[in-house]
Amino acid sequence: MNFRSRAPLQHPGIQLAPLVDVLMLLLIFFLLTGAPRATKTSSMSKVPKASAAKEKLAPPGDVVVNVKTDGSVIVNRRTMTGSELGDLLQNLAKLYPDQAVVIRGDEGGAYKNVVNVLNICSEAGITNVAFATANEIVPRAAGFLWRGCYG
């Protein structure tokens, strides 16, 4: 005795509510994890360009020092004097002897401002210093583009 009906099985449709929930969670995740990266790469200083520059993101432990055109020094969105920067770097050098510092000098600023920050780093005992530059974009020749399109 077979009591089951022979009706064809219906395929369940796609559930939209769980799909929207997952997409919203992914959106929130990427917004939260991408925000610190965006604040680190955005700068108040316009750094000079170098054709041989390589893209390198600063690790989370690096201290990024922005030197503006007028000579003011900005660390973590806070303007500092030379003595405040020296105290900060001395404390970091005591805690972390291999502390890295990235100096981002403004393209239009005087070189002496960058040298002053470099001197403060040296006095504080920081030996791992890097200078930030932007990668120079070299435009391609129009003839090259035409040859690429038409053989």
N, C-alpha and C. Protein backbone atom coordinates (compact mmCIF):
# COMPACT_ATOMS: atom_id res chain seq x y z
N MET A 1 0.83 -1.17 0.00
CA MET A 1 0.00 0.00 0.00
C MET A 1 0.88 1.25 0.00
N ASN A 2 0.78 2.01 -1.00
CA ASN A 2 1.54 3.25 -1.16
C ASN A 2 0.61 4.44 -0.91
N PHE A 3 0.83 5.13 0.20
CA PHE A 3 -0.01 6.27 0.56
C PHE A 3 0.55 7.59 0.05
N ARG A 4 1.74 7.61 -0.51
CA ARG A 4 2.34 8.85 -1.01
C ARG A 4 1.75 9.21 -2.36
N SER A 5 1.55 10.48 -2.52
CA SER A 5 1.05 10.92 -3.83
C SER A 5 2.22 11.05 -4.79
N ARG A 6 1.95 10.95 -6.02
CA ARG A 6 2.98 11.02 -7.04
C ARG A 6 3.13 12.44 -7.59
N ALA A 7 2.84 13.46 -6.80
CA ALA A 7 2.97 14.85 -7.25
C ALA A 7 4.44 15.19 -7.39
N PRO A 8 4.80 15.93 -8.44
CA PRO A 8 6.22 16.30 -8.62
C PRO A 8 6.68 17.23 -7.50
N LEU A 9 7.96 17.09 -7.13
CA LEU A 9 8.53 17.93 -6.08
C LEU A 9 8.75 19.34 -6.62
N GLN A 10 8.42 20.33 -5.81
CA GLN A 10 8.63 21.72 -6.23
C GLN A 10 10.00 22.18 -5.73
N HIS A 11 10.72 22.88 -6.60
CA HIS A 11 12.03 23.42 -6.24
C HIS A 11 11.82 24.68 -5.42
N PRO A 12 12.46 24.77 -4.26
CA PRO A 12 12.28 25.98 -3.45
C PRO A 12 12.93 27.18 -4.14
N GLY A 13 12.29 28.33 -4.07
CA GLY A 13 12.84 29.55 -4.68
C GLY A 13 13.98 30.12 -3.85
N ILE A 14 14.64 31.10 -4.40
CA ILE A 14 15.74 31.75 -3.70
C ILE A 14 15.15 32.65 -2.61
N GLN A 15 15.65 32.49 -1.41
CA GLN A 15 15.21 33.31 -0.30
C GLN A 15 15.95 34.65 -0.36
N LEU A 16 15.25 35.75 -0.50
CA LEU A 16 15.89 37.05 -0.63
C LEU A 16 16.30 37.65 0.71
N ALA A 17 15.55 37.40 1.75
CA ALA A 17 15.87 38.00 3.05
C ALA A 17 17.25 37.57 3.56
N PRO A 18 17.62 36.29 3.57
CA PRO A 18 18.97 35.92 4.00
C PRO A 18 20.06 36.47 3.07
N LEU A 19 19.76 36.56 1.79
CA LEU A 19 20.72 37.10 0.84
C LEU A 19 21.01 38.57 1.14
N VAL A 20 19.98 39.34 1.41
CA VAL A 20 20.15 40.75 1.74
C VAL A 20 20.90 40.89 3.05
N ASP A 21 20.60 40.04 4.04
CA ASP A 21 21.31 40.08 5.32
C ASP A 21 22.81 39.84 5.14
N VAL A 22 23.15 38.85 4.35
CA VAL A 22 24.57 38.54 4.12
C VAL A 22 25.25 39.70 3.39
N LEU A 23 24.60 40.27 2.39
CA LEU A 23 25.19 41.39 1.65
C LEU A 23 25.39 42.60 2.56
N MET A 24 24.46 42.87 3.44
CA MET A 24 24.61 44.00 4.37
C MET A 24 25.76 43.76 5.34
N LEU A 25 25.90 42.52 5.82
CA LEU A 25 27.02 42.22 6.71
C LEU A 25 28.36 42.37 6.00
N LEU A 26 28.43 41.93 4.75
CA LEU A 26 29.67 42.11 3.98
C LEU A 26 29.97 43.58 3.75
N LEU A 27 28.95 44.36 3.44
CA LEU A 27 29.14 45.79 3.23
C LEU A 27 29.66 46.46 4.49
N ILE A 28 29.07 46.15 5.63
CA ILE A 28 29.52 46.73 6.89
C ILE A 28 30.95 46.29 7.21
N PHE A 29 31.26 45.03 6.96
CA PHE A 29 32.61 44.53 7.23
C PHE A 29 33.65 45.29 6.41
N PHE A 30 33.40 45.44 5.10
CA PHE A 30 34.37 46.12 4.26
C PHE A 30 34.45 47.61 4.54
N LEU A 31 33.37 48.22 4.96
CA LEU A 31 33.42 49.63 5.33
C LEU A 31 34.25 49.83 6.59
N LEU A 32 34.09 48.96 7.56
CA LEU A 32 34.84 49.10 8.80
C LEU A 32 36.31 48.77 8.64
N THR A 33 36.63 47.76 7.85
CA THR A 33 38.04 47.40 7.68
C THR A 33 38.74 48.30 6.69
N GLY A 34 38.02 48.93 5.79
CA GLY A 34 38.65 49.82 4.82
C GLY A 34 38.85 51.23 5.33
N ALA A 35 38.14 51.64 6.37
CA ALA A 35 38.24 53.01 6.88
C ALA A 35 39.62 53.33 7.44
N PRO A 36 40.26 52.48 8.26
CA PRO A 36 41.60 52.82 8.75
C PRO A 36 42.62 52.92 7.61
N ARG A 37 42.47 52.10 6.62
CA ARG A 37 43.40 52.16 5.49
C ARG A 37 43.25 53.48 4.74
N ALA A 38 42.02 53.93 4.56
CA ALA A 38 41.79 55.19 3.86
C ALA A 38 42.35 56.37 4.64
N THR A 39 42.25 56.36 5.95
CA THR A 39 42.76 57.49 6.73
C THR A 39 44.28 57.49 6.75
N LYS A 40 44.90 56.32 6.65
CA LYS A 40 46.36 56.29 6.62
C LYS A 40 46.90 56.79 5.29
N THR A 41 46.27 56.42 4.21
CA THR A 41 46.80 56.80 2.92
C THR A 41 46.45 58.23 2.56
N SER A 42 45.34 58.74 3.06
CA SER A 42 45.03 60.12 2.79
C SER A 42 45.94 60.99 3.64
N SER A 43 46.45 62.01 3.02
CA SER A 43 47.43 62.83 3.70
C SER A 43 47.07 64.29 3.56
N MET A 44 47.54 65.07 4.48
CA MET A 44 47.38 66.50 4.36
C MET A 44 48.53 67.09 3.55
N SER A 45 49.55 66.30 3.29
CA SER A 45 50.71 66.74 2.54
C SER A 45 50.67 66.15 1.14
N LYS A 46 51.07 66.95 0.17
CA LYS A 46 51.20 66.46 -1.20
C LYS A 46 52.66 66.10 -1.40
N VAL A 47 52.94 64.80 -1.45
CA VAL A 47 54.33 64.35 -1.52
C VAL A 47 54.84 64.43 -2.95
N PRO A 48 56.16 64.60 -3.12
CA PRO A 48 56.71 64.65 -4.48
C PRO A 48 56.62 63.30 -5.16
N LYS A 49 56.73 63.32 -6.49
CA LYS A 49 56.63 62.09 -7.28
C LYS A 49 58.02 61.59 -7.65
N ALA A 50 58.15 60.27 -7.75
CA ALA A 50 59.39 59.65 -8.16
C ALA A 50 59.05 58.53 -9.13
N SER A 51 59.77 58.47 -10.24
CA SER A 51 59.45 57.46 -11.26
C SER A 51 59.78 56.05 -10.78
N ALA A 52 60.73 55.91 -9.86
CA ALA A 52 61.12 54.58 -9.38
C ALA A 52 60.44 54.21 -8.07
N ALA A 53 59.45 54.99 -7.66
CA ALA A 53 58.77 54.71 -6.39
C ALA A 53 57.96 53.43 -6.49
N LYS A 54 57.95 52.67 -5.41
CA LYS A 54 57.19 51.43 -5.35
C LYS A 54 56.10 51.59 -4.31
N GLU A 55 54.96 51.02 -4.59
CA GLU A 55 53.82 51.10 -3.67
C GLU A 55 54.12 50.26 -2.44
N LYS A 56 54.05 50.90 -1.27
CA LYS A 56 54.24 50.18 -0.01
C LYS A 56 53.34 50.81 1.02
N LEU A 57 52.44 50.02 1.56
CA LEU A 57 51.59 50.52 2.63
C LEU A 57 52.34 50.40 3.94
N ALA A 58 52.20 51.42 4.77
CA ALA A 58 52.88 51.40 6.05
C ALA A 58 52.23 50.37 6.96
N PRO A 59 53.04 49.52 7.59
CA PRO A 59 52.47 48.58 8.56
C PRO A 59 51.82 49.35 9.71
N PRO A 60 50.94 48.70 10.45
CA PRO A 60 50.23 49.41 11.51
C PRO A 60 51.14 50.05 12.55
N GLY A 61 52.35 49.53 12.74
CA GLY A 61 53.23 50.06 13.77
C GLY A 61 54.02 51.28 13.35
N ASP A 62 54.02 51.63 12.08
CA ASP A 62 54.79 52.78 11.63
C ASP A 62 54.16 54.08 12.09
N VAL A 63 55.00 55.05 12.41
CA VAL A 63 54.54 56.38 12.74
C VAL A 63 54.71 57.22 11.48
N VAL A 64 53.62 57.79 10.99
CA VAL A 64 53.66 58.61 9.78
C VAL A 64 53.67 60.07 10.21
N VAL A 65 54.74 60.79 9.86
CA VAL A 65 54.89 62.20 10.22
C VAL A 65 54.71 63.02 8.94
N ASN A 66 53.67 63.86 8.92
CA ASN A 66 53.42 64.74 7.78
C ASN A 66 54.04 66.10 8.06
N VAL A 67 54.86 66.58 7.12
CA VAL A 67 55.48 67.89 7.25
C VAL A 67 54.84 68.79 6.20
N LYS A 68 54.10 69.80 6.66
CA LYS A 68 53.37 70.68 5.75
C LYS A 68 54.30 71.75 5.17
N THR A 69 53.77 72.50 4.23
CA THR A 69 54.55 73.54 3.55
C THR A 69 55.08 74.58 4.52
N ASP A 70 54.28 74.95 5.51
CA ASP A 70 54.69 75.98 6.47
C ASP A 70 55.60 75.44 7.57
N GLY A 71 55.91 74.15 7.55
CA GLY A 71 56.81 73.56 8.53
C GLY A 71 56.10 72.90 9.69
N SER A 72 54.78 72.99 9.76
CA SER A 72 54.07 72.35 10.86
C SER A 72 54.11 70.83 10.69
N VAL A 73 54.11 70.14 11.81
CA VAL A 73 54.24 68.68 11.84
C VAL A 73 52.93 68.09 12.33
N ILE A 74 52.41 67.09 11.59
CA ILE A 74 51.15 66.47 11.94
C ILE A 74 51.39 64.96 12.09
N VAL A 75 50.99 64.42 13.25
CA VAL A 75 51.07 62.99 13.51
C VAL A 75 49.70 62.55 14.01
N ASN A 76 49.11 61.58 13.32
CA ASN A 76 47.77 61.07 13.68
C ASN A 76 46.74 62.20 13.78
N ARG A 77 46.72 63.05 12.77
CA ARG A 77 45.78 64.17 12.67
C ARG A 77 45.93 65.18 13.79
N ARG A 78 47.06 65.20 14.45
CA ARG A 78 47.29 66.15 15.53
C ARG A 78 48.55 66.95 15.24
N THR A 79 48.42 68.26 15.26
CA THR A 79 49.57 69.13 15.03
C THR A 79 50.44 69.13 16.27
N MET A 80 51.75 68.95 16.06
CA MET A 80 52.70 68.87 17.18
C MET A 80 53.82 69.87 16.98
N THR A 81 54.40 70.29 18.10
CA THR A 81 55.61 71.09 18.04
C THR A 81 56.80 70.14 17.96
N GLY A 82 57.98 70.70 17.75
CA GLY A 82 59.17 69.87 17.67
C GLY A 82 59.46 69.13 18.96
N SER A 83 59.25 69.80 20.10
CA SER A 83 59.52 69.15 21.38
C SER A 83 58.51 68.04 21.67
N GLU A 84 57.23 68.25 21.30
CA GLU A 84 56.23 67.21 21.49
C GLU A 84 56.55 65.98 20.64
N LEU A 85 56.96 66.23 19.39
CA LEU A 85 57.34 65.12 18.51
C LEU A 85 58.55 64.39 19.07
N GLY A 86 59.53 65.14 19.59
CA GLY A 86 60.71 64.51 20.17
C GLY A 86 60.36 63.64 21.36
N ASP A 87 59.47 64.13 22.23
CA ASP A 87 59.06 63.34 23.40
C ASP A 87 58.33 62.06 22.96
N LEU A 88 57.44 62.21 21.98
CA LEU A 88 56.70 61.04 21.48
C LEU A 88 57.66 60.00 20.92
N LEU A 89 58.60 60.44 20.10
CA LEU A 89 59.54 59.51 19.47
C LEU A 89 60.50 58.89 20.49
N GLN A 90 60.91 59.65 21.50
CA GLN A 90 61.78 59.09 22.54
C GLN A 90 61.06 57.98 23.31
N ASN A 91 59.79 58.23 23.64
CA ASN A 91 59.02 57.19 24.35
C ASN A 91 58.85 55.95 23.49
N LEU A 92 58.58 56.16 22.20
CA LEU A 92 58.43 55.01 21.30
C LEU A 92 59.75 54.26 21.13
N ALA A 93 60.87 54.99 21.06
CA ALA A 93 62.17 54.34 20.89
C ALA A 93 62.54 53.52 22.12
N LYS A 94 62.11 53.98 23.30
CA LYS A 94 62.38 53.20 24.52
C LYS A 94 61.57 51.90 24.53
N LEU A 95 60.30 52.00 24.11
CA LEU A 95 59.45 50.82 24.11
C LEU A 95 59.78 49.87 22.97
N TYR A 96 60.01 50.44 21.79
CA TYR A 96 60.27 49.65 20.58
C TYR A 96 61.55 50.17 19.92
N PRO A 97 62.68 49.54 20.16
CA PRO A 97 63.95 50.05 19.61
C PRO A 97 63.99 50.11 18.08
N ASP A 98 63.24 49.24 17.40
CA ASP A 98 63.25 49.24 15.93
C ASP A 98 62.04 49.97 15.37
N GLN A 99 61.52 50.96 16.08
CA GLN A 99 60.34 51.70 15.63
C GLN A 99 60.61 52.38 14.30
N ALA A 100 59.69 52.20 13.36
CA ALA A 100 59.83 52.81 12.04
C ALA A 100 59.06 54.12 12.00
N VAL A 101 59.64 55.11 11.32
CA VAL A 101 59.01 56.41 11.12
C VAL A 101 59.02 56.71 9.63
N VAL A 102 57.86 57.09 9.10
CA VAL A 102 57.75 57.49 7.69
C VAL A 102 57.52 58.98 7.65
N ILE A 103 58.40 59.69 6.97
CA ILE A 103 58.30 61.15 6.86
C ILE A 103 57.68 61.48 5.51
N ARG A 104 56.58 62.22 5.54
CA ARG A 104 55.90 62.65 4.32
C ARG A 104 56.03 64.16 4.22
N GLY A 105 57.03 64.61 3.49
CA GLY A 105 57.26 66.04 3.31
C GLY A 105 56.44 66.57 2.16
N ASP A 106 55.86 67.76 2.35
CA ASP A 106 55.05 68.37 1.32
C ASP A 106 55.94 68.75 0.12
N GLU A 107 55.40 68.57 -1.06
CA GLU A 107 56.14 68.81 -2.29
C GLU A 107 56.62 70.26 -2.41
N GLY A 108 55.81 71.19 -1.96
CA GLY A 108 56.17 72.61 -2.08
C GLY A 108 56.86 73.16 -0.87
N GLY A 109 57.10 72.35 0.14
CA GLY A 109 57.72 72.83 1.38
C GLY A 109 59.23 72.93 1.26
N ALA A 110 59.80 73.66 2.22
CA ALA A 110 61.26 73.81 2.26
C ALA A 110 61.89 72.51 2.78
N TYR A 111 63.05 72.20 2.23
CA TYR A 111 63.75 70.98 2.61
C TYR A 111 64.20 71.03 4.07
N LYS A 112 64.43 72.24 4.59
CA LYS A 112 64.89 72.37 5.97
C LYS A 112 63.85 71.84 6.96
N ASN A 113 62.56 71.91 6.61
CA ASN A 113 61.52 71.40 7.50
C ASN A 113 61.62 69.88 7.64
N VAL A 114 61.89 69.21 6.53
CA VAL A 114 62.06 67.75 6.57
C VAL A 114 63.33 67.39 7.33
N VAL A 115 64.39 68.18 7.15
CA VAL A 115 65.65 67.93 7.85
C VAL A 115 65.46 68.13 9.35
N ASN A 116 64.64 69.11 9.75
CA ASN A 116 64.36 69.31 11.18
C ASN A 116 63.70 68.07 11.79
N VAL A 117 62.72 67.49 11.07
CA VAL A 117 62.06 66.28 11.57
C VAL A 117 63.05 65.12 11.60
N LEU A 118 63.90 65.02 10.59
CA LEU A 118 64.91 63.97 10.57
C LEU A 118 65.87 64.12 11.74
N ASN A 119 66.22 65.35 12.08
CA ASN A 119 67.10 65.61 13.22
C ASN A 119 66.42 65.22 14.54
N ILE A 120 65.12 65.51 14.66
CA ILE A 120 64.36 65.12 15.86
C ILE A 120 64.35 63.60 15.99
N CYS A 121 64.17 62.90 14.87
CA CYS A 121 64.19 61.43 14.88
C CYS A 121 65.55 60.92 15.36
N SER A 122 66.61 61.53 14.88
CA SER A 122 67.96 61.10 15.24
C SER A 122 68.21 61.34 16.73
N GLU A 123 67.79 62.49 17.23
CA GLU A 123 67.98 62.80 18.65
C GLU A 123 67.17 61.86 19.55
N ALA A 124 66.01 61.41 19.05
CA ALA A 124 65.16 60.52 19.83
C ALA A 124 65.65 59.07 19.79
N GLY A 125 66.61 58.78 18.93
CA GLY A 125 67.13 57.42 18.85
C GLY A 125 66.43 56.56 17.80
N ILE A 126 65.68 57.17 16.92
CA ILE A 126 64.99 56.45 15.84
C ILE A 126 65.98 56.31 14.68
N THR A 127 66.24 55.07 14.29
CA THR A 127 67.17 54.84 13.17
C THR A 127 66.47 54.29 11.94
N ASN A 128 65.24 53.82 12.09
CA ASN A 128 64.48 53.25 10.97
C ASN A 128 63.56 54.34 10.41
N VAL A 129 64.08 55.11 9.44
CA VAL A 129 63.35 56.24 8.87
C VAL A 129 63.19 56.02 7.38
N ALA A 130 62.00 56.30 6.88
CA ALA A 130 61.73 56.20 5.44
C ALA A 130 61.07 57.49 4.99
N PHE A 131 61.23 57.81 3.71
CA PHE A 131 60.61 58.99 3.12
C PHE A 131 59.53 58.53 2.14
N ALA A 132 58.36 59.14 2.23
CA ALA A 132 57.24 58.77 1.37
C ALA A 132 57.28 59.59 0.09
N THR A 133 57.03 58.92 -1.03
CA THR A 133 56.88 59.58 -2.32
C THR A 133 55.67 58.98 -3.01
N ALA A 134 55.19 59.68 -4.02
CA ALA A 134 54.08 59.17 -4.82
C ALA A 134 54.65 58.62 -6.12
N ASN A 135 54.00 57.60 -6.67
CA ASN A 135 54.45 57.00 -7.92
C ASN A 135 54.07 57.93 -9.07
N GLU A 136 55.03 58.23 -9.92
CA GLU A 136 54.79 59.11 -11.06
C GLU A 136 54.15 58.30 -12.18
N ILE A 137 53.04 58.78 -12.69
CA ILE A 137 52.33 58.09 -13.76
C ILE A 137 52.84 58.64 -15.09
N VAL A 138 53.40 57.75 -15.90
CA VAL A 138 53.95 58.14 -17.19
C VAL A 138 52.88 57.87 -18.26
N PRO A 139 52.41 58.92 -18.98
CA PRO A 139 51.38 58.69 -20.00
C PRO A 139 51.95 57.94 -21.19
N ARG A 140 51.12 57.09 -21.77
CA ARG A 140 51.54 56.34 -22.95
C ARG A 140 51.38 57.21 -24.19
N ALA A 141 52.21 56.94 -25.18
CA ALA A 141 52.13 57.69 -26.43
C ALA A 141 50.87 57.31 -27.19
N ALA A 142 50.27 58.28 -27.88
CA ALA A 142 49.03 58.02 -28.61
C ALA A 142 49.26 57.02 -29.74
N GLY A 143 50.43 57.05 -30.35
CA GLY A 143 50.73 56.10 -31.43
C GLY A 143 50.72 54.66 -30.95
N PHE A 144 51.19 54.46 -29.74
CA PHE A 144 51.17 53.12 -29.18
C PHE A 144 49.75 52.61 -29.03
N LEU A 145 48.86 53.48 -28.59
CA LEU A 145 47.47 53.07 -28.43
C LEU A 145 46.83 52.73 -29.77
N TRP A 146 47.13 53.50 -30.80
CA TRP A 146 46.56 53.21 -32.12
C TRP A 146 47.09 51.90 -32.68
N ARG A 147 48.39 51.66 -32.51
CA ARG A 147 48.93 50.39 -33.00
C ARG A 147 48.32 49.22 -32.26
N GLY A 148 48.05 49.41 -30.95
CA GLY A 148 47.44 48.34 -30.18
C GLY A 148 46.03 48.03 -30.65
N CYS A 149 45.32 49.06 -31.13
CA CYS A 149 43.94 48.85 -31.55
C CYS A 149 43.84 48.26 -32.95
N TYR A 150 44.73 48.69 -33.85
CA TYR A 150 44.60 48.32 -35.26
C TYR A 150 45.68 47.36 -35.75
N GLY A 151 46.45 46.85 -34.87
CA GLY A 151 47.42 45.85 -35.27
C GLY A 151 48.75 46.46 -35.50
